[in-house]
Amino acid sequence: MKYLKHYWLVVTIFLIVVLFVLFRSFSRHDFRYDAARWAGPSVTGTNIITEEQISALRGEILLISLGNQAAAIDQLHDKTMKVNPESILEKGTLSVIRKNKGPVILFSDDSSVTARVWMVLSEMGMQNLYILHDEENRVY
């Protein structure tokens, strides 16, 4: 008993950590990564959008150009931002994306780059993300 009185703080912290580990282990929703839920729009194809569908979107549209693309997106409106794919997770870039009050549309020459960036951002919990797809069945 004397031993516990000397180390009551350490024992208390240890018990709290054990409780959090048990909570994480048995909980289905809290602290658990859910890749299937975040990748859902990719599986169903609802994350793909064409230039014609952009006008039907509501809110402030943010277009993010990932690298050098051959397609001219000059006729598209509102905000366009050029971002290097490797720097998409920089604090300033994420801040602009999160503050946008509307859809975020990603486009690039390389469809794999666009898909990877979309997946990273969606796994971070960002919603209303789209990948621009052109008429010639090529994803930007």
N, C-alpha and C. Protein backbone atom coordinates (compact mmCIF):
# COMPACT_ATOMS: atom_id res chain seq x y z
N MET A 1 0.83 -1.19 0.00
CA MET A 1 0.00 0.00 0.00
C MET A 1 0.87 1.25 0.00
N LYS A 2 1.96 1.20 0.75
CA LYS A 2 2.88 2.33 0.81
C LYS A 2 3.50 2.59 -0.57
N TYR A 3 3.71 1.51 -1.29
CA TYR A 3 4.27 1.60 -2.64
C TYR A 3 3.32 2.36 -3.57
N LEU A 4 2.03 2.08 -3.47
CA LEU A 4 1.03 2.75 -4.32
C LEU A 4 0.92 4.23 -3.99
N LYS A 5 1.08 4.60 -2.74
CA LYS A 5 0.99 6.01 -2.36
C LYS A 5 2.12 6.82 -2.98
N HIS A 6 3.27 6.23 -3.13
CA HIS A 6 4.40 6.95 -3.71
C HIS A 6 4.26 7.10 -5.23
N TYR A 7 3.64 6.14 -5.86
CA TYR A 7 3.56 6.14 -7.32
C TYR A 7 2.13 6.26 -7.83
N TRP A 8 1.28 6.95 -7.14
CA TRP A 8 -0.12 7.08 -7.53
C TRP A 8 -0.28 7.79 -8.87
N LEU A 9 0.56 8.78 -9.15
CA LEU A 9 0.46 9.50 -10.41
C LEU A 9 0.83 8.61 -11.59
N VAL A 10 1.88 7.84 -11.46
CA VAL A 10 2.32 6.95 -12.53
C VAL A 10 1.27 5.87 -12.77
N VAL A 11 0.72 5.32 -11.73
CA VAL A 11 -0.31 4.29 -11.85
C VAL A 11 -1.56 4.86 -12.51
N THR A 12 -1.95 6.08 -12.15
CA THR A 12 -3.12 6.73 -12.74
C THR A 12 -2.92 6.97 -14.24
N ILE A 13 -1.77 7.47 -14.62
CA ILE A 13 -1.48 7.72 -16.04
C ILE A 13 -1.47 6.40 -16.81
N PHE A 14 -0.88 5.38 -16.23
CA PHE A 14 -0.85 4.06 -16.86
C PHE A 14 -2.26 3.53 -17.09
N LEU A 15 -3.12 3.65 -16.11
CA LEU A 15 -4.50 3.18 -16.25
C LEU A 15 -5.27 3.95 -17.30
N ILE A 16 -5.03 5.25 -17.39
CA ILE A 16 -5.70 6.06 -18.41
C ILE A 16 -5.26 5.63 -19.80
N VAL A 17 -3.97 5.38 -19.98
CA VAL A 17 -3.46 4.93 -21.28
C VAL A 17 -4.05 3.57 -21.63
N VAL A 18 -4.13 2.68 -20.68
CA VAL A 18 -4.71 1.36 -20.92
C VAL A 18 -6.18 1.50 -21.33
N LEU A 19 -6.92 2.39 -20.69
CA LEU A 19 -8.32 2.61 -21.06
C LEU A 19 -8.46 3.13 -22.48
N PHE A 20 -7.58 4.08 -22.88
CA PHE A 20 -7.63 4.58 -24.26
C PHE A 20 -7.30 3.49 -25.27
N VAL A 21 -6.36 2.64 -24.97
CA VAL A 21 -6.00 1.55 -25.88
C VAL A 21 -7.18 0.58 -26.00
N LEU A 22 -7.81 0.26 -24.90
CA LEU A 22 -8.98 -0.62 -24.94
C LEU A 22 -10.14 0.02 -25.70
N PHE A 23 -10.34 1.30 -25.49
CA PHE A 23 -11.40 2.02 -26.20
C PHE A 23 -11.15 1.99 -27.69
N ARG A 24 -9.93 2.21 -28.10
CA ARG A 24 -9.59 2.19 -29.52
C ARG A 24 -9.76 0.80 -30.10
N SER A 25 -9.40 -0.21 -29.34
CA SER A 25 -9.49 -1.58 -29.83
C SER A 25 -10.93 -2.04 -30.05
N PHE A 26 -11.83 -1.63 -29.19
CA PHE A 26 -13.20 -2.13 -29.25
C PHE A 26 -14.19 -1.17 -29.91
N SER A 27 -13.78 0.03 -30.18
CA SER A 27 -14.67 1.01 -30.80
C SER A 27 -14.69 0.81 -32.30
N ARG A 28 -15.85 0.98 -32.90
CA ARG A 28 -15.97 0.82 -34.35
C ARG A 28 -15.84 2.15 -35.08
N HIS A 29 -16.07 3.26 -34.42
CA HIS A 29 -16.10 4.54 -35.11
C HIS A 29 -15.01 5.51 -34.67
N ASP A 30 -14.64 5.51 -33.44
CA ASP A 30 -13.68 6.47 -32.95
C ASP A 30 -12.26 5.95 -33.11
N PHE A 31 -11.38 6.83 -33.52
CA PHE A 31 -9.96 6.54 -33.66
C PHE A 31 -9.66 5.48 -34.70
N ARG A 32 -10.55 5.18 -35.59
CA ARG A 32 -10.30 4.11 -36.53
C ARG A 32 -10.29 4.64 -37.96
N TYR A 33 -9.32 4.21 -38.72
CA TYR A 33 -9.18 4.61 -40.12
C TYR A 33 -10.19 3.83 -40.95
N ASP A 34 -10.88 4.52 -41.85
CA ASP A 34 -11.91 3.87 -42.65
C ASP A 34 -11.68 4.17 -44.13
N ALA A 35 -10.79 3.43 -44.74
CA ALA A 35 -10.42 3.67 -46.14
C ALA A 35 -11.59 3.42 -47.08
N ALA A 36 -12.41 2.45 -46.79
CA ALA A 36 -13.54 2.14 -47.68
C ALA A 36 -14.50 3.31 -47.78
N ARG A 37 -14.74 3.98 -46.67
CA ARG A 37 -15.66 5.12 -46.68
C ARG A 37 -15.09 6.29 -47.49
N TRP A 38 -13.80 6.57 -47.31
CA TRP A 38 -13.20 7.70 -48.02
C TRP A 38 -13.02 7.42 -49.50
N ALA A 39 -12.83 6.17 -49.88
CA ALA A 39 -12.63 5.83 -51.28
C ALA A 39 -13.95 5.57 -52.01
N GLY A 40 -15.06 5.64 -51.32
CA GLY A 40 -16.37 5.36 -51.92
C GLY A 40 -16.65 6.13 -53.20
N PRO A 41 -16.47 7.47 -53.23
CA PRO A 41 -16.74 8.20 -54.48
C PRO A 41 -15.85 7.76 -55.64
N SER A 42 -14.66 7.29 -55.34
CA SER A 42 -13.77 6.81 -56.38
C SER A 42 -14.29 5.51 -56.99
N VAL A 43 -14.83 4.65 -56.16
CA VAL A 43 -15.36 3.37 -56.62
C VAL A 43 -16.62 3.59 -57.46
N THR A 44 -17.49 4.48 -57.02
CA THR A 44 -18.74 4.72 -57.74
C THR A 44 -18.59 5.69 -58.92
N GLY A 45 -17.47 6.39 -58.97
CA GLY A 45 -17.23 7.34 -60.06
C GLY A 45 -17.86 8.69 -59.85
N THR A 46 -18.36 8.96 -58.66
CA THR A 46 -18.99 10.25 -58.40
C THR A 46 -17.98 11.37 -58.16
N ASN A 47 -16.70 11.03 -58.15
CA ASN A 47 -15.67 12.06 -57.99
C ASN A 47 -15.16 12.58 -59.33
N ILE A 48 -15.67 12.05 -60.43
CA ILE A 48 -15.27 12.48 -61.77
C ILE A 48 -16.30 13.50 -62.27
N ILE A 49 -15.81 14.59 -62.85
CA ILE A 49 -16.70 15.64 -63.34
C ILE A 49 -16.19 16.14 -64.68
N THR A 50 -17.10 16.56 -65.56
CA THR A 50 -16.72 17.14 -66.85
C THR A 50 -16.87 18.65 -66.79
N GLU A 51 -16.34 19.32 -67.81
CA GLU A 51 -16.43 20.78 -67.86
C GLU A 51 -17.88 21.25 -67.89
N GLU A 52 -18.75 20.51 -68.56
CA GLU A 52 -20.16 20.88 -68.63
C GLU A 52 -20.84 20.78 -67.27
N GLN A 53 -20.42 19.85 -66.45
CA GLN A 53 -21.04 19.65 -65.14
C GLN A 53 -20.58 20.69 -64.12
N ILE A 54 -19.49 21.36 -64.40
CA ILE A 54 -18.96 22.34 -63.45
C ILE A 54 -19.95 23.47 -63.22
N SER A 55 -20.64 23.91 -64.27
CA SER A 55 -21.57 25.02 -64.13
C SER A 55 -22.75 24.68 -63.22
N ALA A 56 -23.04 23.40 -63.05
CA ALA A 56 -24.16 23.00 -62.19
C ALA A 56 -23.77 22.95 -60.71
N LEU A 57 -22.50 23.03 -60.43
CA LEU A 57 -22.05 22.98 -59.04
C LEU A 57 -22.37 24.28 -58.32
N ARG A 58 -22.65 24.17 -57.05
CA ARG A 58 -22.97 25.35 -56.23
C ARG A 58 -21.76 25.73 -55.39
N GLY A 59 -21.67 27.00 -55.10
CA GLY A 59 -20.61 27.49 -54.23
C GLY A 59 -19.44 28.03 -55.03
N GLU A 60 -18.43 28.42 -54.32
CA GLU A 60 -17.22 28.98 -54.92
C GLU A 60 -16.34 27.83 -55.40
N ILE A 61 -16.13 27.78 -56.70
CA ILE A 61 -15.37 26.68 -57.30
C ILE A 61 -13.88 27.01 -57.26
N LEU A 62 -13.09 26.06 -56.77
CA LEU A 62 -11.64 26.20 -56.73
C LEU A 62 -11.05 25.15 -57.65
N LEU A 63 -10.35 25.60 -58.70
CA LEU A 63 -9.68 24.69 -59.62
C LEU A 63 -8.21 24.61 -59.22
N ILE A 64 -7.71 23.39 -59.07
CA ILE A 64 -6.31 23.19 -58.70
C ILE A 64 -5.62 22.46 -59.84
N SER A 65 -4.66 23.15 -60.44
CA SER A 65 -3.86 22.59 -61.52
C SER A 65 -2.64 21.91 -60.90
N LEU A 66 -2.50 20.63 -61.15
CA LEU A 66 -1.40 19.85 -60.58
C LEU A 66 -0.33 19.61 -61.64
N GLY A 67 0.59 20.54 -61.78
CA GLY A 67 1.67 20.38 -62.75
C GLY A 67 1.36 21.05 -64.06
N ASN A 68 2.06 20.61 -65.10
CA ASN A 68 1.90 21.18 -66.44
C ASN A 68 0.90 20.37 -67.23
N GLN A 69 -0.23 20.95 -67.52
CA GLN A 69 -1.23 20.25 -68.30
C GLN A 69 -1.33 20.88 -69.69
N ALA A 70 -1.64 20.06 -70.65
CA ALA A 70 -1.74 20.51 -72.03
C ALA A 70 -3.09 21.17 -72.29
N ALA A 71 -4.07 20.83 -71.53
CA ALA A 71 -5.42 21.36 -71.77
C ALA A 71 -5.51 22.81 -71.33
N ALA A 72 -6.20 23.59 -72.11
CA ALA A 72 -6.41 25.00 -71.76
C ALA A 72 -7.68 25.10 -70.93
N ILE A 73 -7.55 25.52 -69.71
CA ILE A 73 -8.69 25.65 -68.82
C ILE A 73 -8.97 27.13 -68.61
N ASP A 74 -8.63 27.94 -69.57
CA ASP A 74 -8.80 29.39 -69.43
C ASP A 74 -10.26 29.79 -69.34
N GLN A 75 -11.12 29.06 -70.01
CA GLN A 75 -12.53 29.44 -70.02
C GLN A 75 -13.21 29.11 -68.70
N LEU A 76 -12.58 28.31 -67.86
CA LEU A 76 -13.17 27.99 -66.56
C LEU A 76 -13.01 29.18 -65.64
N HIS A 77 -13.85 29.27 -64.66
CA HIS A 77 -14.04 30.50 -63.92
C HIS A 77 -13.47 30.46 -62.52
N ASP A 78 -13.81 31.48 -61.79
CA ASP A 78 -13.48 31.66 -60.38
C ASP A 78 -11.99 31.53 -60.10
N LYS A 79 -11.67 30.76 -59.12
CA LYS A 79 -10.28 30.68 -58.67
C LYS A 79 -9.59 29.48 -59.28
N THR A 80 -8.41 29.73 -59.84
CA THR A 80 -7.56 28.65 -60.31
C THR A 80 -6.22 28.78 -59.61
N MET A 81 -5.72 27.67 -59.14
CA MET A 81 -4.51 27.65 -58.35
C MET A 81 -3.59 26.58 -58.91
N LYS A 82 -2.34 26.94 -59.18
CA LYS A 82 -1.37 25.96 -59.67
C LYS A 82 -0.54 25.48 -58.49
N VAL A 83 -0.53 24.16 -58.29
CA VAL A 83 0.15 23.56 -57.15
C VAL A 83 0.99 22.38 -57.63
N ASN A 84 2.20 22.31 -57.15
CA ASN A 84 3.04 21.15 -57.40
C ASN A 84 2.47 19.98 -56.59
N PRO A 85 2.25 18.82 -57.18
CA PRO A 85 1.64 17.71 -56.44
C PRO A 85 2.38 17.34 -55.16
N GLU A 86 3.69 17.50 -55.15
CA GLU A 86 4.46 17.16 -53.96
C GLU A 86 4.21 18.14 -52.81
N SER A 87 3.71 19.32 -53.14
CA SER A 87 3.50 20.33 -52.09
C SER A 87 2.02 20.52 -51.74
N ILE A 88 1.19 19.55 -52.10
CA ILE A 88 -0.25 19.67 -51.83
C ILE A 88 -0.54 19.67 -50.33
N LEU A 89 0.33 19.08 -49.53
CA LEU A 89 0.10 19.00 -48.09
C LEU A 89 0.74 20.14 -47.31
N GLU A 90 1.26 21.14 -48.01
CA GLU A 90 1.82 22.29 -47.31
C GLU A 90 0.70 23.06 -46.62
N LYS A 91 1.05 23.69 -45.53
CA LYS A 91 0.08 24.37 -44.68
C LYS A 91 -0.74 25.41 -45.46
N GLY A 92 -0.09 26.22 -46.27
CA GLY A 92 -0.78 27.27 -47.02
C GLY A 92 -1.76 26.70 -48.04
N THR A 93 -1.36 25.66 -48.73
CA THR A 93 -2.22 25.04 -49.73
C THR A 93 -3.44 24.40 -49.07
N LEU A 94 -3.22 23.65 -48.00
CA LEU A 94 -4.34 23.03 -47.29
C LEU A 94 -5.28 24.07 -46.71
N SER A 95 -4.74 25.19 -46.27
CA SER A 95 -5.57 26.26 -45.73
C SER A 95 -6.50 26.83 -46.80
N VAL A 96 -5.96 27.04 -48.01
CA VAL A 96 -6.79 27.56 -49.10
C VAL A 96 -7.89 26.56 -49.46
N ILE A 97 -7.54 25.29 -49.50
CA ILE A 97 -8.53 24.26 -49.86
C ILE A 97 -9.62 24.16 -48.79
N ARG A 98 -9.22 24.18 -47.54
CA ARG A 98 -10.21 24.06 -46.46
C ARG A 98 -11.11 25.28 -46.35
N LYS A 99 -10.58 26.47 -46.64
CA LYS A 99 -11.37 27.70 -46.54
C LYS A 99 -12.33 27.89 -47.70
N ASN A 100 -12.13 27.15 -48.78
CA ASN A 100 -12.99 27.29 -49.94
C ASN A 100 -14.40 26.82 -49.61
N LYS A 101 -15.38 27.64 -49.93
CA LYS A 101 -16.78 27.32 -49.64
C LYS A 101 -17.47 26.80 -50.89
N GLY A 102 -17.02 25.66 -51.34
CA GLY A 102 -17.59 25.07 -52.53
C GLY A 102 -16.73 23.91 -52.99
N PRO A 103 -17.00 23.44 -54.21
CA PRO A 103 -16.26 22.28 -54.71
C PRO A 103 -14.82 22.62 -55.07
N VAL A 104 -13.96 21.62 -54.92
CA VAL A 104 -12.56 21.71 -55.31
C VAL A 104 -12.37 20.72 -56.45
N ILE A 105 -11.87 21.23 -57.58
CA ILE A 105 -11.71 20.41 -58.77
C ILE A 105 -10.22 20.29 -59.08
N LEU A 106 -9.72 19.07 -59.18
CA LEU A 106 -8.32 18.79 -59.46
C LEU A 106 -8.16 18.41 -60.93
N PHE A 107 -7.10 18.91 -61.55
CA PHE A 107 -6.82 18.47 -62.91
C PHE A 107 -5.33 18.49 -63.19
N SER A 108 -4.91 17.56 -64.07
CA SER A 108 -3.51 17.41 -64.43
C SER A 108 -3.43 16.61 -65.73
N ASP A 109 -2.28 16.66 -66.39
CA ASP A 109 -2.06 15.82 -67.57
C ASP A 109 -2.02 14.34 -67.21
N ASP A 110 -1.45 14.06 -66.07
CA ASP A 110 -1.27 12.68 -65.62
C ASP A 110 -2.43 12.30 -64.69
N SER A 111 -3.27 11.38 -65.14
CA SER A 111 -4.44 11.00 -64.35
C SER A 111 -4.06 10.32 -63.04
N SER A 112 -2.91 9.67 -63.00
CA SER A 112 -2.52 9.02 -61.75
C SER A 112 -2.15 10.05 -60.68
N VAL A 113 -1.57 11.16 -61.09
CA VAL A 113 -1.24 12.23 -60.14
C VAL A 113 -2.53 12.80 -59.55
N THR A 114 -3.49 13.06 -60.40
CA THR A 114 -4.76 13.61 -59.93
C THR A 114 -5.46 12.64 -58.99
N ALA A 115 -5.45 11.37 -59.33
CA ALA A 115 -6.10 10.36 -58.48
C ALA A 115 -5.41 10.24 -57.13
N ARG A 116 -4.08 10.28 -57.13
CA ARG A 116 -3.35 10.18 -55.86
C ARG A 116 -3.63 11.38 -54.97
N VAL A 117 -3.60 12.58 -55.55
CA VAL A 117 -3.87 13.78 -54.76
C VAL A 117 -5.30 13.76 -54.25
N TRP A 118 -6.25 13.33 -55.09
CA TRP A 118 -7.64 13.24 -54.65
C TRP A 118 -7.77 12.30 -53.46
N MET A 119 -7.10 11.14 -53.54
CA MET A 119 -7.20 10.15 -52.47
C MET A 119 -6.59 10.69 -51.17
N VAL A 120 -5.45 11.34 -51.25
CA VAL A 120 -4.82 11.90 -50.05
C VAL A 120 -5.73 12.93 -49.39
N LEU A 121 -6.27 13.84 -50.20
CA LEU A 121 -7.14 14.89 -49.65
C LEU A 121 -8.43 14.31 -49.09
N SER A 122 -9.00 13.32 -49.76
CA SER A 122 -10.24 12.73 -49.26
C SER A 122 -9.99 11.93 -47.98
N GLU A 123 -8.85 11.28 -47.87
CA GLU A 123 -8.53 10.56 -46.64
C GLU A 123 -8.28 11.51 -45.47
N MET A 124 -7.98 12.77 -45.78
CA MET A 124 -7.83 13.77 -44.74
C MET A 124 -9.19 14.31 -44.30
N GLY A 125 -10.25 13.81 -44.91
CA GLY A 125 -11.59 14.20 -44.51
C GLY A 125 -12.19 15.31 -45.35
N MET A 126 -11.50 15.73 -46.39
CA MET A 126 -12.04 16.79 -47.24
C MET A 126 -13.09 16.21 -48.17
N GLN A 127 -14.18 16.92 -48.26
CA GLN A 127 -15.28 16.47 -49.11
C GLN A 127 -15.48 17.47 -50.23
N ASN A 128 -16.36 17.14 -51.15
CA ASN A 128 -16.66 18.01 -52.28
C ASN A 128 -15.43 18.16 -53.18
N LEU A 129 -14.68 17.07 -53.36
CA LEU A 129 -13.50 17.01 -54.23
C LEU A 129 -13.86 16.29 -55.51
N TYR A 130 -13.39 16.83 -56.62
CA TYR A 130 -13.66 16.23 -57.92
C TYR A 130 -12.40 16.18 -58.76
N ILE A 131 -12.42 15.26 -59.74
CA ILE A 131 -11.35 15.16 -60.74
C ILE A 131 -11.96 15.56 -62.07
N LEU A 132 -11.33 16.51 -62.75
CA LEU A 132 -11.84 16.99 -64.04
C LEU A 132 -11.56 15.97 -65.14
N HIS A 133 -12.56 15.70 -65.93
CA HIS A 133 -12.50 14.73 -67.02
C HIS A 133 -12.93 15.45 -68.29
N ASP A 134 -12.18 15.31 -69.38
CA ASP A 134 -12.53 16.00 -70.62
C ASP A 134 -13.36 15.13 -71.55
N GLU A 135 -13.78 15.71 -72.66
CA GLU A 135 -14.67 15.03 -73.61
C GLU A 135 -14.00 13.85 -74.30
N GLU A 136 -12.70 13.86 -74.45
CA GLU A 136 -12.00 12.76 -75.14
C GLU A 136 -11.71 11.60 -74.21
N ASN A 137 -12.50 11.49 -73.12
CA ASN A 137 -12.36 10.42 -72.14
C ASN A 137 -10.97 10.35 -71.52
N ARG A 138 -10.41 11.51 -71.30
CA ARG A 138 -9.12 11.57 -70.62
C ARG A 138 -9.30 12.36 -69.34
N VAL A 139 -8.83 11.82 -68.26
CA VAL A 139 -8.88 12.52 -66.98
C VAL A 139 -7.69 13.46 -66.94
N TYR A 140 -7.93 14.71 -66.55
CA TYR A 140 -6.83 15.66 -66.46
C TYR A 140 -5.93 15.33 -65.32
